[in-house]
PDB file of N, CA and C in Angstrom:
ATOM      1  N   UNK A   1       0.823  -1.168   0.000  1.00  0.00           N
ATOM      2  CA  UNK A   1       0.000   0.000   0.000  1.00  0.00           C
ATOM      3  C   UNK A   1       0.877   1.245   0.000  1.00  0.00           C
ATOM      4  N   UNK A   2       0.356   2.281  -0.598  1.00  0.00           N
ATOM      5  CA  UNK A   2       1.145   3.498  -0.702  1.00  0.00           C
ATOM      6  C   UNK A   2       1.197   4.225   0.644  1.00  0.00           C
ATOM      7  N   UNK A   3       2.248   5.022   0.846  1.00  0.00           N
ATOM      8  CA  UNK A   3       2.334   5.795   2.091  1.00  0.00           C
ATOM      9  C   UNK A   3       1.148   6.742   2.265  1.00  0.00           C
ATOM     10  N   UNK A   4       0.636   7.294   1.174  1.00  0.00           N
ATOM     11  CA  UNK A   4      -0.507   8.201   1.257  1.00  0.00           C
ATOM     12  C   UNK A   4      -1.731   7.463   1.770  1.00  0.00           C
ATOM     13  N   UNK A   5      -1.954   6.251   1.286  1.00  0.00           N
ATOM     14  CA  UNK A   5      -3.074   5.420   1.722  1.00  0.00           C
ATOM     15  C   UNK A   5      -2.972   5.146   3.225  1.00  0.00           C
ATOM     16  N   UNK A   6      -1.789   4.756   3.661  1.00  0.00           N
ATOM     17  CA  UNK A   6      -1.591   4.446   5.077  1.00  0.00           C
ATOM     18  C   UNK A   6      -1.771   5.684   5.949  1.00  0.00           C
ATOM     19  N   UNK A   7      -1.314   6.831   5.472  1.00  0.00           N
ATOM     20  CA  UNK A   7      -1.469   8.076   6.212  1.00  0.00           C
ATOM     21  C   UNK A   7      -2.938   8.462   6.315  1.00  0.00           C
ATOM     22  N   UNK A   8      -3.685   8.315   5.219  1.00  0.00           N
ATOM     23  CA  UNK A   8      -5.115   8.634   5.230  1.00  0.00           C
ATOM     24  C   UNK A   8      -5.851   7.724   6.210  1.00  0.00           C
ATOM     25  N   UNK A   9      -5.515   6.450   6.207  1.00  0.00           N
ATOM     26  CA  UNK A   9      -6.150   5.496   7.122  1.00  0.00           C
ATOM     27  C   UNK A   9      -5.834   5.859   8.565  1.00  0.00           C
ATOM     28  N   UNK A  10      -4.600   6.250   8.842  1.00  0.00           N
ATOM     29  CA  UNK A  10      -4.200   6.654  10.184  1.00  0.00           C
ATOM     30  C   UNK A  10      -4.986   7.883  10.638  1.00  0.00           C
ATOM     31  N   UNK A  11      -5.153   8.853   9.756  1.00  0.00           N
ATOM     32  CA  UNK A  11      -5.912  10.062  10.101  1.00  0.00           C
ATOM     33  C   UNK A  11      -7.369   9.727  10.406  1.00  0.00           C
ATOM     34  N   UNK A  12      -7.953   8.822   9.628  1.00  0.00           N
ATOM     35  CA  UNK A  12      -9.337   8.429   9.888  1.00  0.00           C
ATOM     36  C   UNK A  12      -9.468   7.712  11.229  1.00  0.00           C
ATOM     37  N   UNK A  13      -8.493   6.883  11.563  1.00  0.00           N
ATOM     38  CA  UNK A  13      -8.541   6.192  12.852  1.00  0.00           C
ATOM     39  C   UNK A  13      -8.441   7.199  13.997  1.00  0.00           C
ATOM     40  N   UNK A  14      -7.601   8.210  13.851  1.00  0.00           N
ATOM     41  CA  UNK A  14      -7.482   9.243  14.879  1.00  0.00           C
ATOM     42  C   UNK A  14      -8.776  10.031  15.012  1.00  0.00           C
ATOM     43  N   UNK A  15      -9.410  10.341  13.885  1.00  0.00           N
ATOM     44  CA  UNK A  15     -10.671  11.077  13.914  1.00  0.00           C
ATOM     45  C   UNK A  15     -11.747  10.265  14.629  1.00  0.00           C
ATOM     46  N   UNK A  16     -11.781   8.959  14.403  1.00  0.00           N
ATOM     47  CA  UNK A  16     -12.771   8.104  15.067  1.00  0.00           C
ATOM     48  C   UNK A  16     -12.558   8.104  16.580  1.00  0.00           C
ATOM     49  N   UNK A  17     -11.312   8.154  17.016  1.00  0.00           N
ATOM     50  CA  UNK A  17     -11.023   8.197  18.451  1.00  0.00           C
ATOM     51  C   UNK A  17     -11.478   9.528  19.038  1.00  0.00           C
ATOM     52  N   UNK A  18     -11.260  10.612  18.316  1.00  0.00           N
ATOM     53  CA  UNK A  18     -11.655  11.938  18.785  1.00  0.00           C
ATOM     54  C   UNK A  18     -13.172  12.025  18.933  1.00  0.00           C
ATOM     55  N   UNK A  19     -13.911  11.382  18.031  1.00  0.00           N
ATOM     56  CA  UNK A  19     -15.372  11.449  18.042  1.00  0.00           C
ATOM     57  C   UNK A  19     -15.971  10.416  18.990  1.00  0.00           C
ATOM     58  N   UNK A  20     -15.613  10.459  20.234  1.00  0.00           N
ATOM     59  CA  UNK A  20     -16.148   9.507  21.210  1.00  0.00           C
ATOM     60  C   UNK A  20     -17.348  10.066  21.968  1.00  0.00           C
ATOM     61  N   UNK A  21     -17.874  11.206  21.503  1.00  0.00           N
ATOM     62  CA  UNK A  21     -19.026  11.816  22.166  1.00  0.00           C
ATOM     63  C   UNK A  21     -20.266  10.948  22.046  1.00  0.00           C
ATOM     64  N   UNK A  22     -21.220  11.195  22.934  1.00  0.00           N
ATOM     65  CA  UNK A  22     -22.437  10.398  22.971  1.00  0.00           C
ATOM     66  C   UNK A  22     -23.561  11.019  22.151  1.00  0.00           C
ATOM     67  N   UNK A  23     -23.347  12.210  21.630  1.00  0.00           N
ATOM     68  CA  UNK A  23     -24.425  12.853  20.889  1.00  0.00           C
ATOM     69  C   UNK A  23     -24.612  12.185  19.522  1.00  0.00           C
ATOM     70  N   UNK A  24     -25.758  12.415  18.922  1.00  0.00           N
ATOM     71  CA  UNK A  24     -26.147  11.773  17.665  1.00  0.00           C
ATOM     72  C   UNK A  24     -25.157  12.057  16.540  1.00  0.00           C
ATOM     73  N   UNK A  25     -24.740  13.296  16.390  1.00  0.00           N
ATOM     74  CA  UNK A  25     -23.828  13.653  15.290  1.00  0.00           C
ATOM     75  C   UNK A  25     -22.478  12.969  15.433  1.00  0.00           C
ATOM     76  N   UNK A  26     -21.954  12.931  16.624  1.00  0.00           N
ATOM     77  CA  UNK A  26     -20.658  12.270  16.852  1.00  0.00           C
ATOM     78  C   UNK A  26     -20.749  10.789  16.508  1.00  0.00           C
ATOM     79  N   UNK A  27     -21.845  10.137  16.922  1.00  0.00           N
ATOM     80  CA  UNK A  27     -22.014   8.713  16.618  1.00  0.00           C
ATOM     81  C   UNK A  27     -22.126   8.476  15.118  1.00  0.00           C
ATOM     82  N   UNK A  28     -22.865   9.344  14.425  1.00  0.00           N
ATOM     83  CA  UNK A  28     -23.009   9.189  12.975  1.00  0.00           C
ATOM     84  C   UNK A  28     -21.676   9.381  12.265  1.00  0.00           C
ATOM     85  N   UNK A  29     -20.943  10.416  12.649  1.00  0.00           N
ATOM     86  CA  UNK A  29     -19.631  10.658  12.023  1.00  0.00           C
ATOM     87  C   UNK A  29     -18.660   9.524  12.322  1.00  0.00           C
ATOM     88  N   UNK A  30     -18.667   9.043  13.563  1.00  0.00           N
ATOM     89  CA  UNK A  30     -17.787   7.929  13.921  1.00  0.00           C
ATOM     90  C   UNK A  30     -18.140   6.685  13.112  1.00  0.00           C
ATOM     91  N   UNK A  31     -19.430   6.440  12.928  1.00  0.00           N
ATOM     92  CA  UNK A  31     -19.868   5.289  12.142  1.00  0.00           C
ATOM     93  C   UNK A  31     -19.405   5.414  10.682  1.00  0.00           C
ATOM     94  N   UNK A  32     -19.536   6.595  10.106  1.00  0.00           N
ATOM     95  CA  UNK A  32     -19.086   6.822   8.726  1.00  0.00           C
ATOM     96  C   UNK A  32     -17.589   6.595   8.610  1.00  0.00           C
ATOM     97  N   UNK A  33     -16.837   7.110   9.551  1.00  0.00           N
ATOM     98  CA  UNK A  33     -15.381   6.956   9.521  1.00  0.00           C
ATOM     99  C   UNK A  33     -14.998   5.489   9.665  1.00  0.00           C
ATOM    100  N   UNK A  34     -15.642   4.782  10.583  1.00  0.00           N
ATOM    101  CA  UNK A  34     -15.320   3.365  10.783  1.00  0.00           C
ATOM    102  C   UNK A  34     -15.676   2.536   9.551  1.00  0.00           C
ATOM    103  N   UNK A  35     -16.771   2.859   8.879  1.00  0.00           N
ATOM    104  CA  UNK A  35     -17.128   2.156   7.646  1.00  0.00           C
ATOM    105  C   UNK A  35     -16.107   2.442   6.548  1.00  0.00           C
ATOM    106  N   UNK A  36     -15.650   3.697   6.477  1.00  0.00           N
ATOM    107  CA  UNK A  36     -14.645   4.063   5.479  1.00  0.00           C
ATOM    108  C   UNK A  36     -13.348   3.302   5.723  1.00  0.00           C
ATOM    109  N   UNK A  37     -12.934   3.203   6.965  1.00  0.00           N
ATOM    110  CA  UNK A  37     -11.726   2.443   7.300  1.00  0.00           C
ATOM    111  C   UNK A  37     -11.904   0.984   6.894  1.00  0.00           C
ATOM    112  N   UNK A  38     -13.086   0.424   7.162  1.00  0.00           N
ATOM    113  CA  UNK A  38     -13.360  -0.958   6.771  1.00  0.00           C
ATOM    114  C   UNK A  38     -13.279  -1.147   5.265  1.00  0.00           C
ATOM    115  N   UNK A  39     -13.817  -0.204   4.514  1.00  0.00           N
ATOM    116  CA  UNK A  39     -13.740  -0.283   3.054  1.00  0.00           C
ATOM    117  C   UNK A  39     -12.299  -0.178   2.573  1.00  0.00           C
ATOM    118  N   UNK A  40     -11.515   0.664   3.229  1.00  0.00           N
ATOM    119  CA  UNK A  40     -10.112   0.793   2.857  1.00  0.00           C
ATOM    120  C   UNK A  40      -9.370  -0.514   3.124  1.00  0.00           C
ATOM    121  N   UNK A  41      -9.714  -1.188   4.218  1.00  0.00           N
ATOM    122  CA  UNK A  41      -9.065  -2.465   4.540  1.00  0.00           C
ATOM    123  C   UNK A  41      -9.426  -3.542   3.524  1.00  0.00           C
ATOM    124  N   UNK A  42     -10.647  -3.478   2.980  1.00  0.00           N
ATOM    125  CA  UNK A  42     -11.098  -4.475   2.006  1.00  0.00           C
ATOM    126  C   UNK A  42     -10.550  -4.228   0.611  1.00  0.00           C
ATOM    127  N   UNK A  43     -10.083  -3.017   0.341  1.00  0.00           N
ATOM    128  CA  UNK A  43      -9.632  -2.645  -1.001  1.00  0.00           C
ATOM    129  C   UNK A  43      -8.357  -3.392  -1.364  1.00  0.00           C
ATOM    130  N   UNK A  44      -8.387  -4.006  -2.539  1.00  0.00           N
ATOM    131  CA  UNK A  44      -7.205  -4.683  -3.074  1.00  0.00           C
ATOM    132  C   UNK A  44      -6.943  -4.100  -4.452  1.00  0.00           C
ATOM    133  N   UNK A  45      -5.856  -3.353  -4.592  1.00  0.00           N
ATOM    134  CA  UNK A  45      -5.590  -2.741  -5.906  1.00  0.00           C
ATOM    135  C   UNK A  45      -5.341  -3.795  -6.972  1.00  0.00           C
ATOM    136  N   UNK A  46      -5.845  -3.515  -8.146  1.00  0.00           N
ATOM    137  CA  UNK A  46      -5.634  -4.426  -9.268  1.00  0.00           C
ATOM    138  C   UNK A  46      -4.210  -4.271  -9.773  1.00  0.00           C
ATOM    139  N   UNK A  47      -3.680  -5.382 -10.271  1.00  0.00           N
ATOM    140  CA  UNK A  47      -2.343  -5.331 -10.836  1.00  0.00           C
ATOM    141  C   UNK A  47      -2.379  -4.506 -12.120  1.00  0.00           C
ATOM    142  N   UNK A  48      -1.521  -3.515 -12.163  1.00  0.00           N
ATOM    143  CA  UNK A  48      -1.441  -2.700 -13.368  1.00  0.00           C
ATOM    144  C   UNK A  48      -0.543  -3.403 -14.380  1.00  0.00           C
ATOM    145  N   UNK A  49      -0.900  -3.337 -15.640  1.00  0.00           N
ATOM    146  CA  UNK A  49      -0.031  -3.939 -16.644  1.00  0.00           C
ATOM    147  C   UNK A  49       1.327  -3.231 -16.669  1.00  0.00           C
ATOM    148  N   UNK A  50       2.317  -4.007 -16.941  1.00  0.00           N
ATOM    149  CA  UNK A  50       3.670  -3.467 -17.001  1.00  0.00           C
ATOM    150  C   UNK A  50       3.796  -2.484 -18.155  1.00  0.00           C
ATOM    151  N   UNK A  51       4.405  -1.342 -17.890  1.00  0.00           N
ATOM    152  CA  UNK A  51       4.547  -0.316 -18.917  1.00  0.00           C
ATOM    153  C   UNK A  51       5.993  -0.202 -19.400  1.00  0.00           C
ATOM    154  N   UNK A  52       6.739  -1.251 -19.184  1.00  0.00           N
ATOM    155  CA  UNK A  52       8.126  -1.206 -19.633  1.00  0.00           C
ATOM    156  C   UNK A  52       8.285  -2.003 -20.924  1.00  0.00           C
ATOM    157  N   UNK A  53       9.483  -2.284 -21.287  1.00  0.00           N
ATOM    158  CA  UNK A  53       9.777  -2.960 -22.543  1.00  0.00           C
ATOM    159  C   UNK A  53       9.781  -4.481 -22.421  1.00  0.00           C
ATOM    160  N   UNK A  54       9.389  -5.021 -21.288  1.00  0.00           N
ATOM    161  CA  UNK A  54       9.416  -6.460 -21.069  1.00  0.00           C
ATOM    162  C   UNK A  54       8.140  -7.069 -21.628  1.00  0.00           C
ATOM    163  N   UNK A  55       8.309  -8.145 -22.393  1.00  0.00           N
ATOM    164  CA  UNK A  55       7.175  -8.830 -23.002  1.00  0.00           C
ATOM    165  C   UNK A  55       6.957 -10.146 -22.273  1.00  0.00           C
ATOM    166  N   UNK A  56       5.735 -10.419 -21.884  1.00  0.00           N
ATOM    167  CA  UNK A  56       5.399 -11.660 -21.190  1.00  0.00           C
ATOM    168  C   UNK A  56       5.132 -12.752 -22.218  1.00  0.00           C
ATOM    169  N   UNK A  57       6.050 -13.693 -22.341  1.00  0.00           N
ATOM    170  CA  UNK A  57       5.940 -14.749 -23.333  1.00  0.00           C
ATOM    171  C   UNK A  57       4.722 -15.647 -23.079  1.00  0.00           C
ATOM    172  N   UNK A  58       4.443 -15.961 -21.817  1.00  0.00           N
ATOM    173  CA  UNK A  58       3.289 -16.808 -21.511  1.00  0.00           C
ATOM    174  C   UNK A  58       1.981 -16.124 -21.906  1.00  0.00           C
ATOM    175  N   UNK A  59       1.880 -14.834 -21.713  1.00  0.00           N
ATOM    176  CA  UNK A  59       0.677 -14.101 -22.110  1.00  0.00           C
ATOM    177  C   UNK A  59       0.527 -14.135 -23.625  1.00  0.00           C
ATOM    178  N   UNK A  60       1.644 -14.027 -24.337  1.00  0.00           N
ATOM    179  CA  UNK A  60       1.601 -14.083 -25.800  1.00  0.00           C
ATOM    180  C   UNK A  60       1.146 -15.466 -26.269  1.00  0.00           C
ATOM    181  N   UNK A  61       1.668 -16.496 -25.670  1.00  0.00           N
ATOM    182  CA  UNK A  61       1.278 -17.862 -26.021  1.00  0.00           C
ATOM    183  C   UNK A  61      -0.217 -18.085 -25.777  1.00  0.00           C
ATOM    184  N   UNK A  62      -0.694 -17.550 -24.670  1.00  0.00           N
ATOM    185  CA  UNK A  62      -2.109 -17.690 -24.343  1.00  0.00           C
ATOM    186  C   UNK A  62      -2.989 -16.983 -25.389  1.00  0.00           C
ATOM    187  N   UNK A  63      -2.571 -15.830 -25.830  1.00  0.00           N
ATOM    188  CA  UNK A  63      -3.333 -15.082 -26.834  1.00  0.00           C
ATOM    189  C   UNK A  63      -3.329 -15.775 -28.205  1.00  0.00           C
ATOM    190  N   UNK A  64      -2.260 -16.468 -28.523  1.00  0.00           N
ATOM    191  CA  UNK A  64      -2.169 -17.145 -29.814  1.00  0.00           C
ATOM    192  C   UNK A  64      -2.976 -18.420 -29.882  1.00  0.00           C
ATOM    193  N   UNK A  65      -3.218 -19.050 -28.731  1.00  0.00           N
ATOM    194  CA  UNK A  65      -3.954 -20.320 -28.740  1.00  0.00           C
ATOM    195  C   UNK A  65      -5.437 -20.151 -28.638  1.00  0.00           C
TER     196      UNK A  65
END
């Protein structure tokens, strides 16, 4: 994971700790933040195709058959 992703997740976790109030708005915001953190934990980035000069021979063979 990228450093920016980890930093954003850390900030959200800190915000959830700060919002420990019992009022309705604090609970709603804390719930939104906790759901966002959960979604971030579930996220799996897709493998990006290589943009260099390397050719994958197995991929070529698969395309030809």
